[in-house]
Amino acid sequence: MRRTRIGLACNEATQARCLTPEARTRLEAFGDLVVATFDRPSSWDEPPPSDLKVDADFIEFASTLDMVLISHGAPRITAGILDRVPRVRFIGELEGDRFARRVDVDAAAARGVKAVDTTHGSSTPVSEWALGLMLIGLRNAGSLFRRMIAGEIISAESKRADPSFLCGELTGKRVGLIACGHIGRRLLELLQPFRCDILVHDPHAPRVLADIYGITLTSLDAVMAGSDVVVCLAPLTDETRGMIGAKQLTQLRPGAVFVNVSRGAVVDSNALIARLSRGDIIGCLDVFDPEPIPADSPVRSMANVFLTPHIAGVTAACGPRFIELMVDEMERFRDGNETRHDLRPRMK
């Protein structure tokens, strides 16, 4: 039988990050692998700009393929391209395309082409860092670290008045999650030993999650007002941009911890700075709007804020994991089983 022909189209940086010897071996065990370098501008928020010459190069590359994997650097896979590569039955986006910025999903479906995405390969480190920030916030570790490196001797009396003493344990706390996709569900697993009461706001979450994980699905207002720790995991879409504003942030109870590991623009930055400036909540932020955070932003100097530079989903292990998960999907497709991670129609 003819072996499946697989193509990988992306830029050199993605190849270096994802196509490790182990990942290459896994792909080559599945079929014959061809790799091509493309270098279209790549954005988390916008599709790559059209370029007829690049499209023609991609069509030539993919004309003999059965499956094509794309990532940063690849052109957008349009109806016009799909019509010129009729052998392709499977398109896999390795990273950064939960909302189909590099694939016309409707055009693929109309031609019987399966389109899937393994962006959630980065969900593991994001969920781990979300848990880490929750613990850092509850222990007020950012403030204590600032005081220690400034040379302050922190007395026993001072410790007992600190939020780290008053609210420092995660065990038994009420935790609110904003969104419950791949990251949220992994975080729920990590939270199990802490026996937390968990509220979740996610209008797109299937209700069966409540039974599976023992959580309460509720409103955004209930999550913001009723939680000791609030964790924002929402992707940035038209629906979620600025979703957490002054009204929602005002609802946070004194002593609450607010964690954001999703996208900065889900939160109104001015409203967040205003709420943090009151000094009665703790912010642990891996993302902000804009990024990088301006050097003169007041959020940089707030003692009740712990900052990291958008590192939650950026680890060396993510790259090859994207391919491992993709080969799992390719095997399901080949064997006539349902794929797990189908791409959704494009959302901004």
Protein backbone atom coordinates (compact mmCIF):
# COMPACT_ATOMS: atom_id res chain seq x y z
CA MET A 1 0.00 0.00 0.00
CA ARG A 2 1.15 3.55 -0.74
CA ARG A 3 2.42 5.30 2.35
CA THR A 4 0.70 8.45 3.49
CA ARG A 5 2.48 11.61 2.38
CA ILE A 6 2.69 14.27 5.10
CA GLY A 7 3.87 17.84 4.64
CA LEU A 8 4.98 20.32 7.28
CA ALA A 9 4.86 23.99 6.26
CA CYS A 10 6.16 26.60 8.71
CA ASN A 11 9.04 28.93 9.40
CA GLU A 12 12.50 27.85 10.52
CA ALA A 13 11.93 28.88 14.14
CA THR A 14 8.89 26.61 14.39
CA GLN A 15 10.78 23.75 12.81
CA ALA A 16 13.56 24.15 15.35
CA ARG A 17 11.12 24.29 18.23
CA CYS A 18 8.70 21.55 17.20
CA LEU A 19 10.46 19.12 14.89
CA THR A 20 12.81 17.50 17.38
CA PRO A 21 14.39 14.18 16.39
CA GLU A 22 11.79 12.37 18.49
CA ALA A 23 8.90 14.26 16.89
CA ARG A 24 10.32 13.64 13.41
CA THR A 25 10.59 9.92 14.17
CA ARG A 26 6.93 9.83 15.23
CA LEU A 27 5.82 11.56 12.03
CA GLU A 28 8.00 9.39 9.80
CA ALA A 29 6.60 6.26 11.42
CA PHE A 30 3.18 7.44 10.27
CA GLY A 31 4.13 8.32 6.69
CA ASP A 32 6.58 9.95 4.33
CA LEU A 33 7.44 13.42 5.61
CA VAL A 34 8.25 16.47 3.49
CA VAL A 35 9.20 19.76 5.14
CA ALA A 36 9.04 23.16 3.47
CA THR A 37 9.99 26.54 4.90
CA PHE A 38 7.48 29.38 4.59
CA ASP A 39 7.91 32.73 6.24
CA ARG A 40 4.64 34.66 6.02
CA PRO A 41 4.04 37.17 8.85
CA SER A 42 2.48 35.34 11.76
CA SER A 43 0.18 36.85 14.36
CA TRP A 44 -1.90 35.50 17.20
CA ASP A 45 -4.69 37.88 16.23
CA GLU A 46 -4.79 38.15 12.44
CA PRO A 47 -4.51 35.74 9.49
CA PRO A 48 -1.33 35.91 7.41
CA PRO A 49 -1.66 38.46 4.59
CA SER A 50 -2.40 37.11 1.13
CA ASP A 51 0.47 36.67 -1.31
CA LEU A 52 -0.17 35.03 -4.68
CA LYS A 53 3.44 33.90 -5.11
CA VAL A 54 3.51 32.25 -1.69
CA ASP A 55 0.13 30.64 -2.35
CA ALA A 56 1.47 29.21 -5.62
CA ASP A 57 4.55 27.85 -3.83
CA PHE A 58 2.34 26.23 -1.22
CA ILE A 59 0.12 24.65 -3.88
CA GLU A 60 3.19 23.15 -5.57
CA PHE A 61 4.41 21.86 -2.21
CA ALA A 62 1.06 20.33 -1.20
CA SER A 63 -0.03 18.97 -4.58
CA THR A 64 1.13 15.41 -3.82
CA LEU A 65 0.31 15.39 -0.10
CA ASP A 66 -2.40 13.51 1.76
CA MET A 67 -2.01 15.47 5.00
CA VAL A 68 -0.54 18.89 5.58
CA LEU A 69 0.55 20.37 8.88
CA ILE A 70 0.92 24.14 9.15
CA SER A 71 2.07 26.64 11.74
CA HIS A 72 3.78 30.02 12.00
CA GLY A 73 5.00 31.15 8.59
CA ALA A 74 2.48 29.21 6.52
CA PRO A 75 0.00 31.02 4.28
CA ARG A 76 -3.73 30.95 5.00
CA ILE A 77 -5.33 27.83 3.51
CA THR A 78 -8.16 29.21 1.39
CA ALA A 79 -10.82 27.67 -0.83
CA GLY A 80 -8.67 28.55 -3.85
CA ILE A 81 -5.70 26.64 -2.44
CA LEU A 82 -7.83 23.65 -1.45
CA ASP A 83 -9.22 23.39 -4.97
CA ARG A 84 -5.66 23.03 -6.29
CA VAL A 85 -4.56 20.32 -3.82
CA PRO A 86 -7.36 17.70 -4.14
CA ARG A 87 -5.32 14.90 -2.53
CA VAL A 88 -5.15 16.70 0.82
CA ARG A 89 -7.78 15.24 3.16
CA PHE A 90 -6.40 16.45 6.49
CA ILE A 91 -5.07 19.84 7.64
CA GLY A 92 -3.48 20.17 11.06
CA GLU A 93 -2.60 23.49 12.71
CA LEU A 94 0.16 22.86 15.22
CA GLU A 95 0.10 26.08 17.19
CA GLY A 96 -1.72 29.36 17.59
CA ASP A 97 -4.91 28.76 15.63
CA ARG A 98 -7.77 27.88 17.96
CA PHE A 99 -10.04 30.13 15.89
CA ALA A 100 -8.88 29.20 12.38
CA ARG A 101 -6.83 32.21 11.40
CA ARG A 102 -4.73 30.07 9.05
CA VAL A 103 -7.48 27.80 7.69
CA ASP A 104 -10.81 28.47 5.99
CA VAL A 105 -12.66 25.84 7.98
CA ASP A 106 -15.94 26.14 6.08
CA ALA A 107 -14.15 25.71 2.75
CA ALA A 108 -12.30 22.66 4.09
CA ALA A 109 -15.51 21.07 5.39
CA ALA A 110 -17.28 21.68 2.07
CA ARG A 111 -14.53 19.70 0.33
CA GLY A 112 -14.47 16.86 2.86
CA VAL A 113 -11.16 17.98 4.36
CA LYS A 114 -10.75 17.53 8.11
CA ALA A 115 -9.17 20.52 9.90
CA VAL A 116 -7.84 20.09 13.43
CA ASP A 117 -5.66 22.04 15.83
CA THR A 118 -3.30 21.06 18.64
CA THR A 119 -2.70 24.51 20.10
CA HIS A 120 -3.85 23.08 23.43
CA GLY A 121 -0.43 21.42 23.66
CA SER A 122 0.53 24.55 25.59
CA SER A 123 -2.38 24.15 28.02
CA THR A 124 -0.30 22.01 30.39
CA PRO A 125 2.25 24.70 31.32
CA VAL A 126 -0.43 27.43 31.35
CA SER A 127 -2.51 25.50 33.87
CA GLU A 128 0.58 24.79 35.98
CA TRP A 129 1.55 28.46 36.02
CA ALA A 130 -2.03 29.44 36.85
CA LEU A 131 -1.78 27.22 39.91
CA GLY A 132 1.62 28.69 40.74
CA LEU A 133 0.27 32.24 40.54
CA MET A 134 -2.68 31.33 42.72
CA LEU A 135 -0.30 30.13 45.42
CA ILE A 136 2.01 33.13 44.96
CA GLY A 137 -0.93 35.49 45.28
CA LEU A 138 -2.41 33.87 48.36
CA ARG A 139 1.02 34.03 50.04
CA ASN A 140 1.47 37.65 48.92
CA ALA A 141 4.87 36.47 47.74
CA GLY A 142 5.39 39.30 45.28
CA SER A 143 5.13 41.93 48.00
CA LEU A 144 7.27 39.96 50.43
CA PHE A 145 9.94 39.47 47.76
CA ARG A 146 10.03 43.20 46.99
CA ARG A 147 10.41 44.02 50.67
CA MET A 148 13.17 41.49 51.21
CA ILE A 149 15.30 42.54 48.23
CA ALA A 150 14.85 46.14 49.36
CA GLY A 151 16.64 45.15 52.57
CA GLU A 152 13.67 45.19 54.93
CA ILE A 153 13.76 42.90 57.96
CA ILE A 154 10.25 41.47 58.17
CA SER A 155 9.28 41.04 61.81
CA ALA A 156 7.08 38.31 63.24
CA GLU A 157 4.44 40.92 64.07
CA SER A 158 4.51 42.20 60.50
CA LYS A 159 4.11 38.68 59.15
CA ARG A 160 0.94 38.12 61.16
CA ALA A 161 -0.66 41.20 59.65
CA ASP A 162 0.25 40.20 56.10
CA PRO A 163 -2.21 38.57 53.67
CA SER A 164 0.14 35.60 53.49
CA PHE A 165 -0.76 34.85 57.12
CA LEU A 166 -4.41 35.85 56.97
CA CYS A 167 -5.36 34.22 53.63
CA GLY A 168 -2.34 32.14 52.68
CA GLU A 169 -3.78 28.66 52.12
CA LEU A 170 -5.42 27.45 48.95
CA THR A 171 -6.92 24.40 50.63
CA GLY A 172 -10.65 24.83 51.08
CA LYS A 173 -10.81 28.18 49.30
CA ARG A 174 -13.49 29.16 46.80
CA VAL A 175 -11.91 29.46 43.36
CA GLY A 176 -13.55 31.09 40.37
CA LEU A 177 -12.54 30.24 36.81
CA ILE A 178 -13.42 32.44 33.87
CA ALA A 179 -13.60 29.95 30.97
CA CYS A 180 -13.14 26.20 31.20
CA GLY A 181 -11.54 24.91 28.03
CA HIS A 182 -8.43 22.73 27.84
CA ILE A 183 -6.51 24.91 30.30
CA GLY A 184 -9.40 25.12 32.73
CA ARG A 185 -10.03 21.40 32.75
CA ARG A 186 -6.36 20.65 33.38
CA LEU A 187 -6.37 23.22 36.18
CA LEU A 188 -9.40 21.51 37.72
CA GLU A 189 -7.35 18.30 37.86
CA LEU A 190 -4.46 20.12 39.55
CA LEU A 191 -6.83 21.67 42.10
CA GLN A 192 -8.31 18.38 43.26
CA PRO A 193 -5.90 17.86 46.20
CA PHE A 194 -6.79 21.33 47.52
CA ARG A 195 -10.50 20.45 47.97
CA CYS A 196 -11.62 23.83 46.66
CA ASP A 197 -15.18 24.93 46.05
CA ILE A 198 -15.04 25.87 42.36
CA LEU A 199 -17.24 28.31 40.46
CA VAL A 200 -16.95 28.49 36.68
CA HIS A 201 -18.24 31.04 34.22
CA ASP A 202 -18.20 29.76 30.66
CA PRO A 203 -21.32 30.10 28.51
CA HIS A 204 -19.80 27.67 26.00
CA ALA A 205 -18.97 24.90 28.48
CA PRO A 206 -21.12 21.76 28.24
CA ARG A 207 -23.18 21.32 31.38
CA VAL A 208 -21.89 17.79 31.82
CA LEU A 209 -18.61 19.33 33.10
CA ALA A 210 -20.41 20.17 36.32
CA ASP A 211 -21.04 16.48 36.98
CA ILE A 212 -17.62 15.35 35.83
CA TYR A 213 -15.63 17.81 37.94
CA GLY A 214 -18.05 18.70 40.74
CA ILE A 215 -18.06 22.37 39.84
CA THR A 216 -20.77 25.04 39.83
CA LEU A 217 -21.46 26.72 36.48
CA THR A 218 -22.57 30.28 37.11
CA SER A 219 -22.47 33.90 36.02
CA LEU A 220 -19.43 36.14 35.69
CA ASP A 221 -20.81 38.34 38.48
CA ALA A 222 -21.04 35.34 40.80
CA VAL A 223 -17.46 34.30 40.03
CA MET A 224 -16.08 37.80 40.61
CA ALA A 225 -18.03 38.51 43.79
CA GLY A 226 -17.97 35.09 45.39
CA SER A 227 -14.41 33.81 44.98
CA ASP A 228 -11.27 34.00 47.09
CA VAL A 229 -9.21 33.50 43.93
CA VAL A 230 -10.34 34.40 40.41
CA VAL A 231 -8.43 32.97 37.44
CA CYS A 232 -9.00 34.38 33.96
CA LEU A 233 -8.52 31.75 31.26
CA ALA A 234 -10.72 33.24 28.52
CA PRO A 235 -9.41 33.45 24.96
CA LEU A 236 -9.49 36.85 23.30
CA THR A 237 -12.47 37.16 20.94
CA ASP A 238 -14.98 39.85 20.04
CA GLU A 239 -17.11 38.43 22.83
CA THR A 240 -14.44 38.56 25.53
CA ARG A 241 -12.48 41.72 24.68
CA GLY A 242 -12.83 44.04 27.69
CA MET A 243 -15.21 41.58 29.33
CA ILE A 244 -13.72 42.24 32.76
CA GLY A 245 -14.14 45.94 33.41
CA ALA A 246 -14.62 48.31 36.32
CA LYS A 247 -17.96 46.77 37.33
CA GLN A 248 -16.56 43.26 37.51
CA LEU A 249 -13.31 44.25 39.23
CA THR A 250 -15.19 46.24 41.86
CA GLN A 251 -16.98 43.02 42.77
CA LEU A 252 -13.76 41.38 43.95
CA ARG A 253 -13.87 41.01 47.70
CA PRO A 254 -11.06 42.55 49.80
CA GLY A 255 -8.25 40.04 50.14
CA ALA A 256 -9.09 38.31 46.85
CA VAL A 257 -6.41 37.23 44.38
CA PHE A 258 -6.91 37.95 40.68
CA VAL A 259 -4.86 35.85 38.24
CA ASN A 260 -4.71 36.36 34.48
CA VAL A 261 -2.93 33.85 32.24
CA SER A 262 -5.12 34.30 29.16
CA ARG A 263 -4.88 37.55 27.21
CA GLY A 264 -4.38 41.03 28.60
CA ALA A 265 -7.13 42.61 26.51
CA VAL A 266 -9.81 40.44 28.13
CA VAL A 267 -9.42 42.85 31.06
CA ASP A 268 -9.82 46.63 30.92
CA SER A 269 -6.28 47.64 31.91
CA ASN A 270 -7.20 51.07 33.25
CA ALA A 271 -9.95 49.58 35.38
CA LEU A 272 -7.56 46.89 36.64
CA ILE A 273 -4.93 49.46 37.62
CA ALA A 274 -7.59 51.50 39.40
CA ARG A 275 -8.80 48.44 41.34
CA LEU A 276 -5.28 47.33 42.25
CA SER A 277 -4.38 50.83 43.39
CA ARG A 278 -6.84 50.46 46.26
CA GLY A 279 -4.39 47.95 47.71
CA ASP A 280 -6.95 45.50 49.07
CA ILE A 281 -6.57 42.77 46.43
CA ILE A 282 -3.57 40.97 44.97
CA GLY A 283 -2.94 40.72 41.23
CA CYS A 284 -0.84 38.00 39.61
CA LEU A 285 -0.55 38.80 35.93
CA ASP A 286 1.22 36.87 33.21
CA VAL A 287 -0.48 38.98 30.53
CA PHE A 288 -1.39 42.63 30.20
CA ASP A 289 -2.64 45.08 27.59
CA PRO A 290 -0.49 46.40 26.02
CA GLU A 291 2.45 44.02 25.92
CA PRO A 292 5.17 44.54 26.79
CA ILE A 293 3.94 46.52 29.76
CA PRO A 294 5.05 50.14 29.30
CA ALA A 295 8.08 51.01 31.43
CA ASP A 296 6.15 53.81 33.12
CA SER A 297 3.00 51.80 33.83
CA PRO A 298 1.99 52.05 37.50
CA VAL A 299 1.28 48.33 37.55
CA ARG A 300 5.03 47.66 37.48
CA SER A 301 5.61 49.30 40.86
CA MET A 302 2.55 48.12 42.79
CA ALA A 303 3.54 46.11 45.84
CA ASN A 304 0.37 44.01 45.59
CA VAL A 305 1.11 42.90 42.02
CA PHE A 306 3.24 39.96 40.84
CA LEU A 307 4.20 40.09 37.16
CA THR A 308 5.65 37.67 34.63
CA PRO A 309 6.27 38.45 30.92
CA HIS A 310 3.70 36.19 29.21
CA ILE A 311 5.59 32.97 29.94
CA ALA A 312 2.75 30.66 30.98
CA GLY A 313 2.49 28.70 27.74
CA VAL A 314 6.09 29.06 26.61
CA THR A 315 8.21 26.02 27.46
CA ALA A 316 10.60 23.87 25.47
CA ALA A 317 8.35 20.85 25.95
CA CYS A 318 5.42 22.47 24.13
CA GLY A 319 6.88 22.34 20.63
CA PRO A 320 7.27 18.57 20.22
CA ARG A 321 4.05 18.07 22.20
CA PHE A 322 2.14 19.87 19.44
CA ILE A 323 3.37 17.22 17.00
CA GLU A 324 2.74 14.33 19.37
CA LEU A 325 -0.87 15.42 19.80
CA MET A 326 -1.20 15.96 16.06
CA VAL A 327 -0.04 12.46 15.22
CA ASP A 328 -2.62 11.16 17.69
CA GLU A 329 -5.25 13.05 15.70
CA MET A 330 -3.88 11.78 12.40
CA GLU A 331 -4.13 8.22 13.67
CA ARG A 332 -7.74 8.74 14.73
CA PHE A 333 -8.57 10.16 11.31
CA ARG A 334 -6.78 7.34 9.46
CA ASP A 335 -8.57 4.69 11.51
CA GLY A 336 -12.01 6.19 10.90
CA ASN A 337 -12.46 7.48 14.44
CA GLU A 338 -13.66 10.90 15.55
CA THR A 339 -10.98 13.54 15.91
CA ARG A 340 -10.94 15.41 19.23
CA HIS A 341 -9.72 18.87 18.36
CA ASP A 342 -11.54 20.15 15.29
CA LEU A 343 -10.92 23.75 14.31
CA ARG A 344 -13.77 26.20 14.77
CA PRO A 345 -14.82 28.75 12.16
CA ARG A 346 -12.74 31.89 12.38
CA MET A 347 -13.31 34.30 15.26
CA LYS A 348 -11.47 37.59 15.71
